[in-house]
Every structure is written in structure tokens, then in C-alpha cells.
Amino acid sequence: MLSIKRLLRLGLGALAVAGALTTSAAAQDVQRGQQSGLIQWGIWIDPDGCMHWMADGGLEQYQVNRLNPETGRPVCVKMDTCYVGNTDTMFHTDSYQLTAATRQRLQQVFSQSGVSGYAVYGHTDSRASHAYNQTLSENRARAVADVGRSVGAVIEREMGFGETRPVASNANAAGMAKNRRVEVICYRW
């Protein structure tokens, strides 16, 4: 069996062969953190949009930057904000259940052509406790991401930031309303 470092040196083709050897039972072992003896492989996109080849045998994970062979530079996707929704109109107060109108709008957002993947980020204002806001933002991001998955979109990242990334002051109602939002980022080639 090839070592993980050897597979990474050989490149994606060798990783594809190793990935083909992985069975669903072995993949479940890897997800549970158990060593299966088989390698789970893939490409991971970091928050900056740059790609990394990764291989995981269950105990350790190895990553290398995916480089363009002609330029030697990292291969990165273009990212842009394709939707920002105010949670006051997307959800009922203190809820993460989407309104019907918002669900329809999100289905359109997640059905765009030319998009290889999406990131969904949930945010709140600072009125409740940090723990409450964190959980609410995670649940709202998940609700939006689930709409994307329902139409076949690839959700690369789904995160809640609670009150930690305000875009306006939380000292007044107008600023707090701007901070209560869900952002959908599009990854394009």
C-alpha cells in the first residue's frame, strides 16, 4: 500500500485510485475517527477560495496546496456575495424556520449557473447572550443551506458567527437590523 505522502507526491490521479478503494463502511470508520487502513481523499476549499488536496487515513490528515502546473501558483476560485438576506424578513422572531417567500427566493439563488459551490454564513445582533446568538446563527445558516441542498447545490461551508461579525453598530435599532443577516457566498471558476 502506498504511503499518504507518496500519494500526495503522485498527485490527484493517485488520490483518485486510493479514493476508489474506500468503501462506505470504511468512510464511516474515518468519520468516527477510527483507523480503517483505507484513505479518504478529496479537495478542500479554504475560506479564501484556494484549493488543497487532502488525504485522511483516519488518524492524521495530510494537505498540500493545489498548484497550477504552469504557474506554480495556488488554484483558487472566485468568490462573491450572491445574496444577503435580512433575517427579520427571512424568519419569524427568534426562529430558524424560513418563510415561504424566502424559501422560493433562495431556491433561485441556489440555482444559478456558473457556480461550483456555496458558503452560507449566519449572523445576529448582540441583544441576547453570546451562546444563544451563536446557536441561532448556526440554525439559520443550516436552514438556508438546506434549501440549497434541496435543489442540488454544493454547500462547501455552513457557519454561524452569532454576534461576532457586525457590519454596523449594535447601539441602535438600525445597526442591529443590519447585523441580523444571512450571507450566501458563490464560488465561481
N, C-alpha and C. Protein backbone atom coordinates (compact mmCIF):
# COMPACT_ATOMS: atom_id res chain seq x y z
N MET A 1 0.85 -1.19 0.00
CA MET A 1 0.00 0.00 0.00
C MET A 1 0.89 1.23 0.00
N LEU A 2 0.53 2.25 -0.78
CA LEU A 2 1.30 3.47 -0.89
C LEU A 2 1.12 4.31 0.37
N SER A 3 2.18 5.01 0.77
CA SER A 3 2.05 5.91 1.90
C SER A 3 1.28 7.15 1.47
N ILE A 4 0.71 7.85 2.42
CA ILE A 4 -0.06 9.05 2.11
C ILE A 4 0.84 10.10 1.48
N LYS A 5 2.07 10.26 2.00
CA LYS A 5 2.99 11.25 1.43
C LYS A 5 3.30 10.91 -0.03
N ARG A 6 3.49 9.64 -0.33
CA ARG A 6 3.76 9.20 -1.71
C ARG A 6 2.55 9.52 -2.60
N LEU A 7 1.34 9.27 -2.09
CA LEU A 7 0.14 9.57 -2.87
C LEU A 7 0.05 11.06 -3.18
N LEU A 8 0.39 11.89 -2.19
CA LEU A 8 0.31 13.33 -2.41
C LEU A 8 1.34 13.77 -3.44
N ARG A 9 2.53 13.15 -3.44
CA ARG A 9 3.53 13.49 -4.44
C ARG A 9 3.08 13.07 -5.84
N LEU A 10 2.37 11.95 -5.94
CA LEU A 10 1.90 11.48 -7.24
C LEU A 10 0.78 12.34 -7.78
N GLY A 11 0.05 13.03 -6.93
CA GLY A 11 -0.98 13.95 -7.38
C GLY A 11 -2.37 13.37 -7.32
N LEU A 12 -3.29 14.09 -7.90
CA LEU A 12 -4.71 13.77 -7.81
C LEU A 12 -5.05 12.43 -8.42
N GLY A 13 -4.37 12.02 -9.50
CA GLY A 13 -4.66 10.73 -10.13
C GLY A 13 -4.46 9.59 -9.15
N ALA A 14 -3.38 9.62 -8.41
CA ALA A 14 -3.13 8.58 -7.42
C ALA A 14 -4.14 8.67 -6.29
N LEU A 15 -4.52 9.88 -5.94
CA LEU A 15 -5.53 10.03 -4.90
C LEU A 15 -6.86 9.47 -5.35
N ALA A 16 -7.17 9.63 -6.63
CA ALA A 16 -8.42 9.08 -7.16
C ALA A 16 -8.42 7.56 -7.06
N VAL A 17 -7.28 6.94 -7.35
CA VAL A 17 -7.19 5.48 -7.23
C VAL A 17 -7.38 5.07 -5.78
N ALA A 18 -6.71 5.78 -4.86
CA ALA A 18 -6.86 5.45 -3.45
C ALA A 18 -8.29 5.69 -3.00
N GLY A 19 -8.92 6.76 -3.49
CA GLY A 19 -10.30 7.05 -3.12
C GLY A 19 -11.25 5.99 -3.61
N ALA A 20 -10.96 5.40 -4.77
CA ALA A 20 -11.82 4.37 -5.31
C ALA A 20 -11.80 3.12 -4.43
N LEU A 21 -10.73 2.95 -3.66
CA LEU A 21 -10.63 1.79 -2.78
C LEU A 21 -11.45 1.94 -1.52
N THR A 22 -11.86 3.16 -1.21
CA THR A 22 -12.59 3.42 0.02
C THR A 22 -14.03 2.93 -0.09
N THR A 23 -14.45 2.10 0.85
CA THR A 23 -15.83 1.64 0.87
C THR A 23 -16.64 2.52 1.79
N SER A 24 -17.96 2.44 1.70
CA SER A 24 -18.79 3.30 2.56
C SER A 24 -18.59 2.94 4.03
N ALA A 25 -18.38 1.68 4.34
CA ALA A 25 -18.14 1.29 5.74
C ALA A 25 -16.83 1.88 6.23
N ALA A 26 -15.81 1.85 5.38
CA ALA A 26 -14.53 2.42 5.78
C ALA A 26 -14.65 3.93 5.94
N ALA A 27 -15.42 4.58 5.06
CA ALA A 27 -15.62 6.02 5.18
C ALA A 27 -16.32 6.35 6.49
N GLN A 28 -17.27 5.52 6.92
CA GLN A 28 -17.93 5.74 8.19
C GLN A 28 -16.95 5.60 9.34
N ASP A 29 -16.01 4.63 9.25
CA ASP A 29 -14.99 4.48 10.28
C ASP A 29 -14.14 5.74 10.37
N VAL A 30 -13.77 6.31 9.21
CA VAL A 30 -12.96 7.52 9.20
C VAL A 30 -13.73 8.67 9.83
N GLN A 31 -15.03 8.78 9.53
CA GLN A 31 -15.83 9.84 10.13
C GLN A 31 -15.91 9.69 11.64
N ARG A 32 -15.87 8.48 12.14
CA ARG A 32 -15.91 8.25 13.59
C ARG A 32 -14.52 8.39 14.20
N GLY A 33 -13.50 8.68 13.36
CA GLY A 33 -12.16 8.87 13.88
C GLY A 33 -11.40 7.58 14.09
N GLN A 34 -11.85 6.49 13.51
CA GLN A 34 -11.17 5.21 13.66
C GLN A 34 -10.27 4.97 12.46
N GLN A 35 -9.15 4.31 12.67
CA GLN A 35 -8.27 3.98 11.56
C GLN A 35 -8.85 2.80 10.80
N SER A 36 -9.05 2.98 9.52
CA SER A 36 -9.66 1.93 8.71
C SER A 36 -8.64 1.24 7.82
N GLY A 37 -7.47 1.84 7.64
CA GLY A 37 -6.48 1.29 6.73
C GLY A 37 -6.70 1.75 5.30
N LEU A 38 -7.80 2.43 5.04
CA LEU A 38 -8.08 2.97 3.72
C LEU A 38 -8.04 4.48 3.79
N ILE A 39 -7.86 5.11 2.65
CA ILE A 39 -7.67 6.55 2.61
C ILE A 39 -8.91 7.22 2.04
N GLN A 40 -9.37 8.25 2.73
CA GLN A 40 -10.44 9.11 2.23
C GLN A 40 -9.74 10.33 1.66
N TRP A 41 -10.05 10.72 0.43
CA TRP A 41 -9.36 11.81 -0.23
C TRP A 41 -10.36 12.84 -0.74
N GLY A 42 -9.85 13.97 -1.12
CA GLY A 42 -10.71 14.99 -1.69
C GLY A 42 -9.99 16.30 -1.88
N ILE A 43 -10.74 17.30 -2.27
CA ILE A 43 -10.23 18.66 -2.40
C ILE A 43 -10.97 19.51 -1.40
N TRP A 44 -10.24 20.27 -0.61
CA TRP A 44 -10.82 21.15 0.39
C TRP A 44 -10.61 22.58 -0.08
N ILE A 45 -11.63 23.43 0.01
CA ILE A 45 -11.53 24.84 -0.35
C ILE A 45 -11.50 25.64 0.93
N ASP A 46 -10.42 26.41 1.11
CA ASP A 46 -10.29 27.19 2.35
C ASP A 46 -11.15 28.44 2.27
N PRO A 47 -11.28 29.20 3.36
CA PRO A 47 -12.15 30.39 3.36
C PRO A 47 -11.76 31.45 2.33
N ASP A 48 -10.50 31.43 1.85
CA ASP A 48 -10.07 32.37 0.83
C ASP A 48 -10.38 31.89 -0.58
N GLY A 49 -10.92 30.67 -0.71
CA GLY A 49 -11.28 30.13 -2.02
C GLY A 49 -10.18 29.31 -2.68
N CYS A 50 -9.06 29.11 -2.00
CA CYS A 50 -7.96 28.34 -2.58
C CYS A 50 -8.12 26.86 -2.26
N MET A 51 -7.72 26.02 -3.21
CA MET A 51 -7.93 24.57 -3.09
C MET A 51 -6.71 23.88 -2.51
N HIS A 52 -6.99 22.79 -1.80
CA HIS A 52 -5.94 21.95 -1.22
C HIS A 52 -6.31 20.49 -1.46
N TRP A 53 -5.34 19.69 -1.89
CA TRP A 53 -5.56 18.25 -1.95
C TRP A 53 -5.45 17.73 -0.54
N MET A 54 -6.32 16.82 -0.13
CA MET A 54 -6.25 16.26 1.21
C MET A 54 -6.41 14.76 1.15
N ALA A 55 -5.79 14.09 2.10
CA ALA A 55 -5.95 12.64 2.24
C ALA A 55 -6.03 12.35 3.74
N ASP A 56 -6.97 11.48 4.12
CA ASP A 56 -7.18 11.18 5.53
C ASP A 56 -7.29 9.68 5.70
N GLY A 57 -6.37 9.11 6.48
CA GLY A 57 -6.38 7.68 6.76
C GLY A 57 -7.07 7.35 8.07
N GLY A 58 -7.64 8.32 8.75
CA GLY A 58 -8.37 8.08 9.98
C GLY A 58 -7.67 8.62 11.21
N LEU A 59 -6.34 8.61 11.22
CA LEU A 59 -5.61 9.14 12.38
C LEU A 59 -5.04 10.52 12.11
N GLU A 60 -4.54 10.72 10.91
CA GLU A 60 -3.97 12.00 10.54
C GLU A 60 -4.50 12.41 9.19
N GLN A 61 -4.49 13.70 8.96
CA GLN A 61 -4.89 14.21 7.66
C GLN A 61 -3.71 14.97 7.07
N TYR A 62 -3.47 14.79 5.80
CA TYR A 62 -2.41 15.49 5.10
C TYR A 62 -3.04 16.39 4.05
N GLN A 63 -2.46 17.58 3.90
CA GLN A 63 -2.94 18.52 2.89
C GLN A 63 -1.76 19.15 2.19
N VAL A 64 -1.93 19.40 0.91
CA VAL A 64 -0.97 20.18 0.14
C VAL A 64 -1.76 21.14 -0.73
N ASN A 65 -1.17 22.30 -1.00
CA ASN A 65 -1.83 23.26 -1.88
C ASN A 65 -1.98 22.66 -3.27
N ARG A 66 -3.10 22.90 -3.89
CA ARG A 66 -3.26 22.50 -5.27
C ARG A 66 -2.68 23.62 -6.11
N LEU A 67 -1.64 23.33 -6.86
CA LEU A 67 -0.92 24.34 -7.63
C LEU A 67 -1.18 24.18 -9.12
N ASN A 68 -1.22 25.30 -9.81
CA ASN A 68 -1.30 25.29 -11.26
C ASN A 68 0.06 24.87 -11.78
N PRO A 69 0.15 23.78 -12.57
CA PRO A 69 1.46 23.29 -13.00
C PRO A 69 2.21 24.28 -13.90
N GLU A 70 1.49 25.17 -14.58
CA GLU A 70 2.15 26.13 -15.46
C GLU A 70 2.73 27.32 -14.71
N THR A 71 2.03 27.77 -13.68
CA THR A 71 2.47 28.98 -12.97
C THR A 71 3.06 28.69 -11.60
N GLY A 72 2.74 27.51 -11.04
CA GLY A 72 3.20 27.19 -9.69
C GLY A 72 2.42 27.91 -8.61
N ARG A 73 1.36 28.62 -8.98
CA ARG A 73 0.55 29.37 -8.01
C ARG A 73 -0.64 28.53 -7.56
N PRO A 74 -1.16 28.80 -6.37
CA PRO A 74 -2.34 28.05 -5.90
C PRO A 74 -3.54 28.24 -6.83
N VAL A 75 -4.34 27.19 -6.95
CA VAL A 75 -5.57 27.24 -7.73
C VAL A 75 -6.67 27.72 -6.78
N CYS A 76 -7.28 28.83 -7.12
CA CYS A 76 -8.31 29.42 -6.27
C CYS A 76 -9.55 29.72 -7.10
N VAL A 77 -10.69 29.69 -6.47
CA VAL A 77 -11.94 30.05 -7.13
C VAL A 77 -12.27 31.50 -6.81
N LYS A 78 -13.08 32.11 -7.65
CA LYS A 78 -13.55 33.47 -7.41
C LYS A 78 -14.73 33.39 -6.46
N MET A 79 -14.75 34.26 -5.49
CA MET A 79 -15.85 34.29 -4.52
C MET A 79 -16.54 35.64 -4.60
N ASP A 80 -17.86 35.61 -4.58
CA ASP A 80 -18.59 36.86 -4.47
C ASP A 80 -19.86 36.62 -3.66
N THR A 81 -20.33 37.67 -3.06
CA THR A 81 -21.56 37.58 -2.28
C THR A 81 -22.73 37.59 -3.25
N CYS A 82 -23.48 36.49 -3.29
CA CYS A 82 -24.59 36.42 -4.24
C CYS A 82 -25.94 36.65 -3.56
N TYR A 83 -25.96 36.73 -2.23
CA TYR A 83 -27.23 37.01 -1.54
C TYR A 83 -26.93 37.42 -0.10
N VAL A 84 -27.58 38.47 0.33
CA VAL A 84 -27.58 38.85 1.74
C VAL A 84 -29.03 39.10 2.11
N GLY A 85 -29.52 38.30 3.06
CA GLY A 85 -30.90 38.45 3.48
C GLY A 85 -31.00 38.92 4.91
N ASN A 86 -31.87 39.88 5.14
CA ASN A 86 -32.13 40.34 6.50
C ASN A 86 -33.01 39.30 7.18
N THR A 87 -32.57 38.81 8.33
CA THR A 87 -33.30 37.73 8.99
C THR A 87 -34.66 38.16 9.51
N ASP A 88 -34.89 39.48 9.62
CA ASP A 88 -36.21 39.95 10.04
C ASP A 88 -37.28 39.55 9.02
N THR A 89 -36.92 39.52 7.73
CA THR A 89 -37.87 39.14 6.69
C THR A 89 -37.76 37.66 6.31
N MET A 90 -36.64 37.04 6.62
CA MET A 90 -36.43 35.63 6.26
C MET A 90 -37.07 34.66 7.25
N PHE A 91 -37.05 35.05 8.53
CA PHE A 91 -37.51 34.17 9.61
C PHE A 91 -38.44 34.95 10.53
N HIS A 92 -39.25 34.22 11.29
CA HIS A 92 -40.01 34.85 12.36
C HIS A 92 -39.05 35.14 13.51
N THR A 93 -39.38 36.06 14.38
CA THR A 93 -38.52 36.43 15.51
C THR A 93 -38.14 35.20 16.33
N ASP A 94 -36.86 35.10 16.66
CA ASP A 94 -36.31 34.00 17.46
C ASP A 94 -36.60 32.63 16.85
N SER A 95 -36.65 32.54 15.53
CA SER A 95 -36.95 31.30 14.85
C SER A 95 -35.92 31.05 13.76
N TYR A 96 -35.80 29.81 13.36
CA TYR A 96 -34.96 29.50 12.21
C TYR A 96 -35.76 28.74 11.15
N GLN A 97 -37.07 28.96 11.17
CA GLN A 97 -37.95 28.39 10.15
C GLN A 97 -38.17 29.47 9.09
N LEU A 98 -37.79 29.14 7.83
CA LEU A 98 -37.87 30.10 6.74
C LEU A 98 -39.32 30.39 6.34
N THR A 99 -39.57 31.62 5.92
CA THR A 99 -40.89 31.94 5.36
C THR A 99 -40.97 31.33 3.96
N ALA A 100 -42.18 31.14 3.46
CA ALA A 100 -42.38 30.53 2.13
C ALA A 100 -41.76 31.41 1.04
N ALA A 101 -41.92 32.72 1.15
CA ALA A 101 -41.37 33.63 0.13
C ALA A 101 -39.84 33.56 0.12
N THR A 102 -39.24 33.50 1.28
CA THR A 102 -37.79 33.41 1.36
C THR A 102 -37.30 32.09 0.78
N ARG A 103 -37.99 31.02 1.08
CA ARG A 103 -37.61 29.70 0.54
C ARG A 103 -37.60 29.74 -1.00
N GLN A 104 -38.62 30.35 -1.61
CA GLN A 104 -38.67 30.45 -3.07
C GLN A 104 -37.51 31.29 -3.61
N ARG A 105 -37.23 32.41 -2.94
CA ARG A 105 -36.12 33.27 -3.38
C ARG A 105 -34.79 32.53 -3.28
N LEU A 106 -34.58 31.78 -2.18
CA LEU A 106 -33.33 31.05 -2.01
C LEU A 106 -33.17 29.93 -3.04
N GLN A 107 -34.27 29.32 -3.44
CA GLN A 107 -34.19 28.29 -4.48
C GLN A 107 -33.65 28.90 -5.78
N GLN A 108 -34.03 30.13 -6.08
CA GLN A 108 -33.49 30.83 -7.25
C GLN A 108 -32.00 31.13 -7.07
N VAL A 109 -31.63 31.60 -5.87
CA VAL A 109 -30.23 31.92 -5.60
C VAL A 109 -29.35 30.69 -5.78
N PHE A 110 -29.80 29.55 -5.25
CA PHE A 110 -29.01 28.33 -5.30
C PHE A 110 -29.10 27.61 -6.64
N SER A 111 -29.85 28.13 -7.58
CA SER A 111 -29.97 27.50 -8.91
C SER A 111 -29.23 28.29 -9.98
N GLN A 112 -28.34 29.19 -9.59
CA GLN A 112 -27.58 29.99 -10.55
C GLN A 112 -26.65 29.11 -11.36
N SER A 113 -26.44 29.48 -12.61
CA SER A 113 -25.48 28.75 -13.43
C SER A 113 -24.09 29.36 -13.22
N GLY A 114 -23.08 28.54 -13.46
CA GLY A 114 -21.71 29.01 -13.32
C GLY A 114 -21.17 29.03 -11.91
N VAL A 115 -21.91 28.47 -10.97
CA VAL A 115 -21.47 28.44 -9.57
C VAL A 115 -21.07 27.01 -9.22
N SER A 116 -19.86 26.84 -8.70
CA SER A 116 -19.39 25.48 -8.36
C SER A 116 -19.72 25.11 -6.92
N GLY A 117 -19.96 26.08 -6.07
CA GLY A 117 -20.29 25.79 -4.68
C GLY A 117 -20.69 27.05 -3.94
N TYR A 118 -21.18 26.86 -2.73
CA TYR A 118 -21.69 27.98 -1.93
C TYR A 118 -21.19 27.88 -0.49
N ALA A 119 -21.08 29.04 0.15
CA ALA A 119 -20.86 29.12 1.58
C ALA A 119 -22.03 29.90 2.17
N VAL A 120 -22.51 29.49 3.33
CA VAL A 120 -23.64 30.16 3.98
C VAL A 120 -23.20 30.57 5.38
N TYR A 121 -23.36 31.85 5.69
CA TYR A 121 -22.95 32.40 6.98
C TYR A 121 -24.12 33.08 7.67
N GLY A 122 -24.39 32.69 8.92
CA GLY A 122 -25.45 33.31 9.70
C GLY A 122 -24.89 34.28 10.72
N HIS A 123 -25.60 35.39 10.95
CA HIS A 123 -25.17 36.44 11.88
C HIS A 123 -26.37 36.94 12.68
N THR A 124 -26.10 37.45 13.88
CA THR A 124 -27.14 38.04 14.72
C THR A 124 -26.68 39.40 15.23
N ASP A 125 -27.59 40.11 15.90
CA ASP A 125 -27.18 41.31 16.62
C ASP A 125 -26.73 40.87 18.02
N SER A 126 -26.49 41.82 18.91
CA SER A 126 -25.92 41.46 20.21
C SER A 126 -26.93 41.47 21.36
N ARG A 127 -28.24 41.44 21.07
CA ARG A 127 -29.23 41.58 22.14
C ARG A 127 -29.27 40.41 23.11
N ALA A 128 -29.15 39.19 22.67
CA ALA A 128 -29.25 38.03 23.57
C ALA A 128 -27.84 37.62 24.03
N SER A 129 -27.77 36.52 24.74
CA SER A 129 -26.46 36.04 25.21
C SER A 129 -25.64 35.54 24.03
N HIS A 130 -24.34 35.49 24.22
CA HIS A 130 -23.45 35.00 23.17
C HIS A 130 -23.82 33.57 22.76
N ALA A 131 -24.07 32.71 23.73
CA ALA A 131 -24.41 31.31 23.43
C ALA A 131 -25.71 31.21 22.64
N TYR A 132 -26.70 31.98 23.02
CA TYR A 132 -27.99 31.96 22.31
C TYR A 132 -27.80 32.44 20.88
N ASN A 133 -27.09 33.56 20.71
CA ASN A 133 -26.87 34.11 19.37
C ASN A 133 -26.09 33.15 18.49
N GLN A 134 -25.10 32.49 19.07
CA GLN A 134 -24.31 31.54 18.29
C GLN A 134 -25.18 30.39 17.77
N THR A 135 -25.98 29.83 18.66
CA THR A 135 -26.86 28.72 18.26
C THR A 135 -27.89 29.17 17.23
N LEU A 136 -28.49 30.34 17.43
CA LEU A 136 -29.47 30.85 16.48
C LEU A 136 -28.84 31.07 15.10
N SER A 137 -27.64 31.65 15.06
CA SER A 137 -26.99 31.91 13.77
C SER A 137 -26.63 30.60 13.06
N GLU A 138 -26.20 29.60 13.81
CA GLU A 138 -25.89 28.28 13.22
C GLU A 138 -27.15 27.63 12.65
N ASN A 139 -28.25 27.69 13.40
CA ASN A 139 -29.50 27.10 12.94
C ASN A 139 -30.04 27.81 11.70
N ARG A 140 -29.90 29.12 11.66
CA ARG A 140 -30.37 29.87 10.49
C ARG A 140 -29.50 29.57 9.27
N ALA A 141 -28.19 29.48 9.47
CA ALA A 141 -27.31 29.12 8.35
C ALA A 141 -27.65 27.72 7.83
N ARG A 142 -27.93 26.80 8.73
CA ARG A 142 -28.29 25.43 8.33
C ARG A 142 -29.61 25.42 7.55
N ALA A 143 -30.59 26.21 7.99
CA ALA A 143 -31.88 26.25 7.30
C ALA A 143 -31.70 26.76 5.87
N VAL A 144 -30.88 27.78 5.69
CA VAL A 144 -30.64 28.32 4.35
C VAL A 144 -29.85 27.32 3.52
N ALA A 145 -28.81 26.71 4.10
CA ALA A 145 -28.01 25.71 3.38
C ALA A 145 -28.85 24.52 2.97
N ASP A 146 -29.81 24.13 3.80
CA ASP A 146 -30.68 23.00 3.47
C ASP A 146 -31.53 23.28 2.23
N VAL A 147 -31.92 24.54 2.02
CA VAL A 147 -32.64 24.89 0.80
C VAL A 147 -31.72 24.66 -0.41
N GLY A 148 -30.47 25.06 -0.27
CA GLY A 148 -29.51 24.83 -1.35
C GLY A 148 -29.34 23.36 -1.66
N ARG A 149 -29.19 22.56 -0.62
CA ARG A 149 -29.04 21.12 -0.82
C ARG A 149 -30.28 20.52 -1.48
N SER A 150 -31.46 21.06 -1.16
CA SER A 150 -32.70 20.51 -1.71
C SER A 150 -32.81 20.73 -3.22
N VAL A 151 -32.09 21.71 -3.77
CA VAL A 151 -32.11 21.94 -5.22
C VAL A 151 -30.82 21.45 -5.88
N GLY A 152 -30.01 20.71 -5.12
CA GLY A 152 -28.80 20.10 -5.68
C GLY A 152 -27.56 20.96 -5.65
N ALA A 153 -27.57 22.08 -4.93
CA ALA A 153 -26.39 22.92 -4.83
C ALA A 153 -25.35 22.28 -3.92
N VAL A 154 -24.09 22.55 -4.21
CA VAL A 154 -22.99 22.06 -3.38
C VAL A 154 -22.71 23.10 -2.31
N ILE A 155 -22.93 22.75 -1.06
CA ILE A 155 -22.68 23.66 0.06
C ILE A 155 -21.30 23.31 0.61
N GLU A 156 -20.33 24.17 0.34
CA GLU A 156 -18.95 23.93 0.76
C GLU A 156 -18.76 24.26 2.25
N ARG A 157 -19.48 25.26 2.72
CA ARG A 157 -19.27 25.74 4.09
C ARG A 157 -20.58 26.27 4.63
N GLU A 158 -20.84 25.98 5.89
CA GLU A 158 -22.07 26.44 6.57
C GLU A 158 -21.67 26.80 7.99
N MET A 159 -21.76 28.09 8.33
CA MET A 159 -21.27 28.53 9.64
C MET A 159 -22.16 29.61 10.22
N GLY A 160 -22.25 29.61 11.54
CA GLY A 160 -22.90 30.68 12.28
C GLY A 160 -21.86 31.45 13.05
N PHE A 161 -21.92 32.77 13.00
CA PHE A 161 -20.95 33.61 13.71
C PHE A 161 -21.57 34.35 14.89
N GLY A 162 -22.87 34.16 15.11
CA GLY A 162 -23.51 34.86 16.23
C GLY A 162 -23.37 36.36 16.05
N GLU A 163 -22.95 37.02 17.12
CA GLU A 163 -22.82 38.48 17.13
C GLU A 163 -21.40 38.94 16.85
N THR A 164 -20.49 38.02 16.51
CA THR A 164 -19.06 38.34 16.47
C THR A 164 -18.60 39.10 15.23
N ARG A 165 -19.42 39.21 14.19
CA ARG A 165 -19.00 39.91 12.97
C ARG A 165 -20.04 40.94 12.53
N PRO A 166 -20.21 41.99 13.35
CA PRO A 166 -21.20 43.01 12.99
C PRO A 166 -20.72 43.84 11.80
N VAL A 167 -21.67 44.33 11.00
CA VAL A 167 -21.35 45.24 9.90
C VAL A 167 -21.78 46.67 10.25
N ALA A 168 -22.47 46.82 11.38
CA ALA A 168 -22.93 48.12 11.85
C ALA A 168 -22.93 48.11 13.38
N SER A 169 -23.17 49.25 13.97
CA SER A 169 -23.20 49.38 15.42
C SER A 169 -24.42 48.67 16.00
N ASN A 170 -24.22 48.01 17.13
CA ASN A 170 -25.34 47.40 17.84
C ASN A 170 -25.94 48.36 18.87
N ALA A 171 -25.54 49.64 18.82
CA ALA A 171 -26.03 50.64 19.77
C ALA A 171 -27.39 51.21 19.39
N ASN A 172 -27.85 50.93 18.16
CA ASN A 172 -29.15 51.46 17.75
C ASN A 172 -29.90 50.41 16.92
N ALA A 173 -31.20 50.63 16.76
CA ALA A 173 -32.05 49.65 16.08
C ALA A 173 -31.67 49.46 14.61
N ALA A 174 -31.30 50.54 13.93
CA ALA A 174 -30.95 50.43 12.51
C ALA A 174 -29.69 49.58 12.33
N GLY A 175 -28.71 49.79 13.19
CA GLY A 175 -27.48 49.00 13.12
C GLY A 175 -27.72 47.54 13.45
N MET A 176 -28.53 47.28 14.48
CA MET A 176 -28.84 45.89 14.84
C MET A 176 -29.56 45.17 13.70
N ALA A 177 -30.44 45.88 13.00
CA ALA A 177 -31.17 45.26 11.88
C ALA A 177 -30.20 44.85 10.77
N LYS A 178 -29.15 45.65 10.52
CA LYS A 178 -28.15 45.30 9.50
C LYS A 178 -27.34 44.08 9.93
N ASN A 179 -27.12 43.93 11.22
CA ASN A 179 -26.31 42.81 11.72
C ASN A 179 -27.05 41.48 11.69
N ARG A 180 -28.38 41.52 11.71
CA ARG A 180 -29.18 40.29 11.65
C ARG A 180 -29.32 39.88 10.18
N ARG A 181 -28.44 38.98 9.73
CA ARG A 181 -28.41 38.66 8.31
C ARG A 181 -27.88 37.25 8.08
N VAL A 182 -28.17 36.74 6.89
CA VAL A 182 -27.57 35.50 6.39
C VAL A 182 -26.95 35.84 5.05
N GLU A 183 -25.68 35.48 4.89
CA GLU A 183 -24.96 35.74 3.65
C GLU A 183 -24.74 34.44 2.89
N VAL A 184 -24.91 34.49 1.58
CA VAL A 184 -24.62 33.34 0.72
C VAL A 184 -23.50 33.79 -0.21
N ILE A 185 -22.39 33.08 -0.16
CA ILE A 185 -21.22 33.37 -0.98
C ILE A 185 -21.17 32.34 -2.10
N CYS A 186 -20.95 32.80 -3.34
CA CYS A 186 -20.85 31.92 -4.51
C CYS A 186 -19.39 31.70 -4.87
N TYR A 187 -19.02 30.46 -5.13
CA TYR A 187 -17.69 30.12 -5.64
C TYR A 187 -17.82 29.90 -7.14
N ARG A 188 -17.05 30.65 -7.90
CA ARG A 188 -17.09 30.54 -9.36
C ARG A 188 -15.69 30.25 -9.88
N TRP A 189 -15.63 29.51 -10.97
CA TRP A 189 -14.33 29.21 -11.59
C TRP A 189 -13.90 30.34 -12.45
